[in-house]
Amino acid sequence: MNSSAPLIDSASILIISDGEEGLEVLMVKRHEDIAFAGGAYVFPGGKADPEDYQLSSHIKSFPPGYSELTHTAFREVFEETGLIIGDHTNAGDYRDGLLNGRVTFSEIIKKADIHFYMDEIVPFARWVTPRIYPKRFDTRFFLARAPMGQVATPDGTEAVELKWVSPLEFIKEKRELMMFPTIMNLKLLAEAKTVDEAFRKAAARKIITVEPKIIDGKRVIDPAAGYGEVDQDKIHLG
């Protein structure tokens, strides 16, 4: 039976850097007690707050549906990892206040004089929760360069562990601890070997909204989305 549940706007962000052995991406392990994806490895992200729409501004180069969630991505990254994709003055001093609801993100932007690097973030993918689920998300995935000179730290409540990983190696090691969209987006990211190449590929790719379906007992997504093999036992990892 298809669900009539409304779609909830959310954003997730793949923060990438050039490591000694190639492209790396920052993964977050969620606290096991969290109802949704507890104990799973995910990209930083979460659902949009009303304030996020007010903070975001239209970016001509972005496909429809992305501009309004840029600050959801920025906020979630700050909450879960402490990173600011931009310049700031002691933003970390306000992180606990944001997590505890004592200060808003817009207030932190002013207090810490944050200037986000809008050219360091690009749309990467878009996934919609299948209609069979009672709670559904419309998640815009972004790609972002890791900010220089900043160290990621977990918030300890939602994010209990942070790891910089090689995308394909991490699929091999932790596949059972990741959701299908996470695995597929790691696989897509792995087509690039460097940060610059990942940005070029993301900018050139037409984003097709993915809503997985089960047909004849098999998981199916639109092949036009560019993910290739979706059977997790047949993904070529070499």
Protein backbone atom coordinates (compact mmCIF):
# COMPACT_ATOMS: atom_id res chain seq x y z
CA MET A 1 0.00 0.00 0.00
CA ASN A 2 1.30 3.45 -0.90
CA SER A 3 1.71 5.96 1.91
CA SER A 4 0.00 9.32 1.81
CA ALA A 5 2.57 10.74 4.22
CA PRO A 6 3.81 14.18 3.17
CA LEU A 7 7.42 14.52 2.10
CA ILE A 8 9.71 16.15 4.65
CA ASP A 9 12.45 18.38 3.26
CA SER A 10 15.90 17.32 4.41
CA ALA A 11 19.51 17.85 3.42
CA SER A 12 22.59 15.66 3.62
CA ILE A 13 26.11 16.70 2.80
CA LEU A 14 29.14 14.77 1.60
CA ILE A 15 32.18 16.61 2.95
CA ILE A 16 35.23 15.55 0.96
CA SER A 17 38.98 16.06 1.06
CA ASP A 18 42.08 14.82 -0.73
CA GLY A 19 43.73 12.29 1.56
CA GLU A 20 47.12 10.65 1.29
CA GLU A 21 45.58 7.64 -0.45
CA GLY A 22 42.95 9.45 -2.50
CA LEU A 23 39.52 10.96 -2.09
CA GLU A 24 38.04 10.82 1.42
CA VAL A 25 34.58 11.60 2.75
CA LEU A 26 33.44 12.33 6.30
CA MET A 27 31.05 9.76 7.77
CA VAL A 28 28.99 10.12 10.94
CA LYS A 29 27.87 7.24 13.14
CA ARG A 30 24.45 7.91 14.66
CA HIS A 31 23.69 7.14 18.28
CA GLU A 32 22.11 3.70 18.65
CA ASP A 33 19.15 5.09 20.60
CA ILE A 34 18.00 7.36 17.74
CA ALA A 35 14.73 6.08 16.29
CA PHE A 36 15.64 6.64 12.63
CA ALA A 37 18.81 4.85 11.45
CA GLY A 38 20.15 4.42 14.98
CA GLY A 39 23.70 3.05 14.93
CA ALA A 40 24.07 3.60 11.18
CA TYR A 41 26.86 5.41 9.37
CA VAL A 42 25.48 8.36 7.42
CA PHE A 43 26.52 11.67 5.94
CA PRO A 44 25.86 14.69 8.17
CA GLY A 45 22.31 15.90 7.64
CA GLY A 46 18.75 16.19 8.83
CA LYS A 47 15.36 17.73 8.21
CA ALA A 48 14.88 21.40 7.44
CA ASP A 49 13.96 23.94 10.11
CA PRO A 50 11.63 26.84 9.19
CA GLU A 51 14.49 29.27 9.75
CA ASP A 52 16.61 27.50 7.13
CA TYR A 53 14.34 28.62 4.30
CA GLN A 54 14.63 32.25 5.45
CA LEU A 55 18.44 32.11 5.59
CA SER A 56 18.91 30.50 2.19
CA SER A 57 18.98 32.50 -1.05
CA HIS A 58 18.45 31.52 -4.69
CA ILE A 59 21.48 30.19 -6.54
CA LYS A 60 20.99 30.29 -10.30
CA SER A 61 23.28 27.35 -11.04
CA PHE A 62 21.39 24.99 -8.69
CA PRO A 63 18.52 22.80 -9.90
CA PRO A 64 15.08 23.56 -8.40
CA GLY A 65 14.73 22.49 -4.79
CA TYR A 66 18.34 22.93 -3.69
CA SER A 67 18.87 26.62 -2.96
CA GLU A 68 16.37 26.67 -0.10
CA LEU A 69 18.16 23.86 1.74
CA THR A 70 21.76 25.12 1.67
CA HIS A 71 21.50 26.38 5.24
CA THR A 72 19.92 23.14 6.39
CA ALA A 73 23.11 21.48 5.16
CA PHE A 74 25.36 24.11 6.78
CA ARG A 75 23.50 23.92 10.10
CA GLU A 76 23.45 20.13 10.26
CA VAL A 77 27.17 19.96 9.52
CA PHE A 78 27.87 22.42 12.32
CA GLU A 79 25.61 20.62 14.78
CA GLU A 80 26.97 17.13 14.11
CA THR A 81 30.64 17.81 13.29
CA GLY A 82 31.43 21.35 14.45
CA LEU A 83 32.60 22.32 10.96
CA ILE A 84 31.67 25.59 9.27
CA ILE A 85 31.84 25.59 5.48
CA GLY A 86 33.12 29.14 5.45
CA ASP A 87 34.95 31.84 7.41
CA HIS A 88 33.97 32.53 11.01
CA THR A 89 35.08 33.88 14.35
CA ASN A 90 34.82 31.33 17.16
CA ALA A 91 31.62 29.72 15.91
CA GLY A 92 32.45 26.71 18.06
CA ASP A 93 31.72 28.77 21.16
CA TYR A 94 28.03 28.68 20.24
CA ARG A 95 27.66 25.05 19.22
CA ASP A 96 26.36 23.79 22.57
CA GLY A 97 23.86 26.63 22.67
CA LEU A 98 22.51 25.63 19.27
CA LEU A 99 22.26 21.98 20.27
CA ASN A 100 20.43 22.90 23.48
CA GLY A 101 18.09 25.39 21.81
CA ARG A 102 19.47 28.44 23.60
CA VAL A 103 20.57 30.18 20.41
CA THR A 104 19.42 29.99 16.78
CA PHE A 105 21.60 29.38 13.78
CA SER A 106 20.84 32.84 12.42
CA GLU A 107 22.04 34.33 15.71
CA ILE A 108 25.26 32.33 15.49
CA ILE A 109 25.84 33.52 11.94
CA LYS A 110 25.74 37.11 13.22
CA LYS A 111 27.67 36.55 16.46
CA ALA A 112 30.44 34.53 14.80
CA ASP A 113 30.47 36.65 11.62
CA ILE A 114 30.06 33.57 9.43
CA HIS A 115 30.51 33.92 5.69
CA PHE A 116 29.65 30.64 3.97
CA TYR A 117 31.63 29.42 0.97
CA MET A 118 28.76 29.14 -1.47
CA ASP A 119 31.14 28.13 -4.26
CA GLU A 120 32.40 25.22 -2.15
CA ILE A 121 29.06 23.40 -2.16
CA VAL A 122 27.21 21.86 -5.12
CA PRO A 123 24.13 19.63 -5.57
CA PHE A 124 25.05 15.95 -5.74
CA ALA A 125 21.87 13.83 -5.66
CA ARG A 126 18.23 13.71 -4.62
CA TRP A 127 16.47 10.75 -3.02
CA VAL A 128 12.86 10.31 -1.94
CA THR A 129 11.74 7.72 0.61
CA PRO A 130 9.64 4.97 -1.07
CA ARG A 131 5.86 5.34 -0.81
CA ILE A 132 5.48 2.21 1.29
CA TYR A 133 6.96 3.96 4.34
CA PRO A 134 4.81 5.90 6.84
CA LYS A 135 7.43 8.65 7.18
CA ARG A 136 8.98 10.02 4.00
CA PHE A 137 11.87 12.36 3.28
CA ASP A 138 12.82 14.35 0.20
CA THR A 139 16.57 14.53 0.72
CA ARG A 140 18.86 16.79 -1.27
CA PHE A 141 22.46 15.62 -1.14
CA PHE A 142 25.19 18.22 -1.45
CA LEU A 143 28.92 17.92 -2.06
CA ALA A 144 31.25 20.22 -0.09
CA ARG A 145 34.98 20.74 0.25
CA ALA A 146 36.28 20.18 3.76
CA PRO A 147 37.14 23.59 5.26
CA MET A 148 40.85 24.20 5.79
CA GLY A 149 42.19 24.39 9.33
CA GLN A 150 39.09 22.99 11.05
CA VAL A 151 38.83 19.73 12.99
CA ALA A 152 35.59 17.74 13.00
CA THR A 153 34.28 16.55 16.37
CA PRO A 154 31.05 14.60 17.08
CA ASP A 155 28.33 16.27 19.13
CA GLY A 156 28.15 13.16 21.32
CA THR A 157 24.36 13.06 21.29
CA GLU A 158 23.28 12.41 17.72
CA ALA A 159 26.72 11.81 16.22
CA VAL A 160 28.90 9.56 18.38
CA GLU A 161 31.73 8.91 15.95
CA LEU A 162 33.29 10.61 12.91
CA LYS A 163 35.51 8.94 10.32
CA TRP A 164 37.31 10.13 7.20
CA VAL A 165 37.05 7.17 4.83
CA SER A 166 37.75 5.95 1.32
CA PRO A 167 34.29 5.50 -0.25
CA LEU A 168 34.74 2.02 -1.75
CA GLU A 169 36.76 0.66 1.15
CA PHE A 170 34.10 1.83 3.56
CA ILE A 171 31.39 0.04 1.57
CA LYS A 172 33.43 -3.15 1.88
CA GLU A 173 33.94 -2.72 5.62
CA LYS A 174 30.64 -1.27 6.83
CA ARG A 175 27.99 -2.11 4.25
CA GLU A 176 25.75 -3.74 6.85
CA LEU A 177 25.74 -0.52 8.90
CA MET A 178 24.59 1.78 6.10
CA MET A 179 21.30 2.50 4.40
CA PHE A 180 20.87 1.89 0.68
CA PRO A 181 21.03 5.60 -0.36
CA THR A 182 24.25 6.06 1.63
CA ILE A 183 25.90 3.10 -0.06
CA MET A 184 24.82 4.18 -3.51
CA ASN A 185 26.02 7.75 -3.04
CA LEU A 186 29.38 6.51 -1.74
CA LYS A 187 29.58 4.37 -4.88
CA LEU A 188 28.78 7.36 -7.07
CA LEU A 189 31.30 9.54 -5.27
CA ALA A 190 34.00 6.90 -5.78
CA GLU A 191 33.91 7.51 -9.54
CA ALA A 192 36.10 10.54 -8.78
CA LYS A 193 39.67 10.27 -7.51
CA THR A 194 40.11 13.85 -6.27
CA VAL A 195 38.01 16.65 -4.82
CA ASP A 196 38.30 18.71 -7.99
CA GLU A 197 37.20 15.77 -10.14
CA ALA A 198 34.25 15.07 -7.82
CA PHE A 199 33.10 18.68 -8.18
CA ARG A 200 33.45 18.59 -11.97
CA LYS A 201 31.45 15.38 -12.23
CA ALA A 202 28.72 16.64 -9.90
CA ALA A 203 28.40 19.92 -11.79
CA ALA A 204 28.14 18.12 -15.15
CA ARG A 205 25.70 15.40 -14.07
CA LYS A 206 21.96 15.89 -14.50
CA ILE A 207 20.34 15.06 -11.18
CA ILE A 208 17.45 12.60 -11.42
CA THR A 209 15.29 12.21 -8.32
CA VAL A 210 15.58 8.64 -7.07
CA GLU A 211 12.64 6.83 -5.48
CA PRO A 212 13.58 3.17 -4.99
CA LYS A 213 10.98 0.53 -5.77
CA ILE A 214 10.77 -3.23 -5.26
CA ILE A 215 9.85 -5.07 -8.46
CA ASP A 216 9.75 -8.89 -8.55
CA GLY A 217 11.56 -8.93 -5.23
CA LYS A 218 14.43 -6.75 -6.45
CA ARG A 219 15.33 -3.17 -5.57
CA VAL A 220 15.07 -0.93 -8.62
CA ILE A 221 15.96 2.71 -9.27
CA ASP A 222 15.78 4.81 -12.43
CA PRO A 223 18.92 3.90 -14.46
CA ALA A 224 19.01 7.48 -15.76
CA ALA A 225 20.15 8.57 -12.28
CA GLY A 226 23.58 7.18 -13.15
CA TYR A 227 24.25 4.79 -10.27
CA GLY A 228 24.77 1.64 -12.33
CA GLU A 229 24.52 -1.69 -10.48
CA VAL A 230 22.18 -1.56 -7.49
CA ASP A 231 22.39 -5.17 -6.30
CA GLN A 232 24.59 -4.85 -3.23
CA ASP A 233 26.02 -8.35 -3.79
CA LYS A 234 27.13 -7.47 -7.31
CA ILE A 235 28.58 -3.98 -6.96
CA HIS A 236 32.04 -3.97 -8.45
CA LEU A 237 34.30 -2.53 -5.76
CA GLY A 238 37.64 -2.96 -7.43
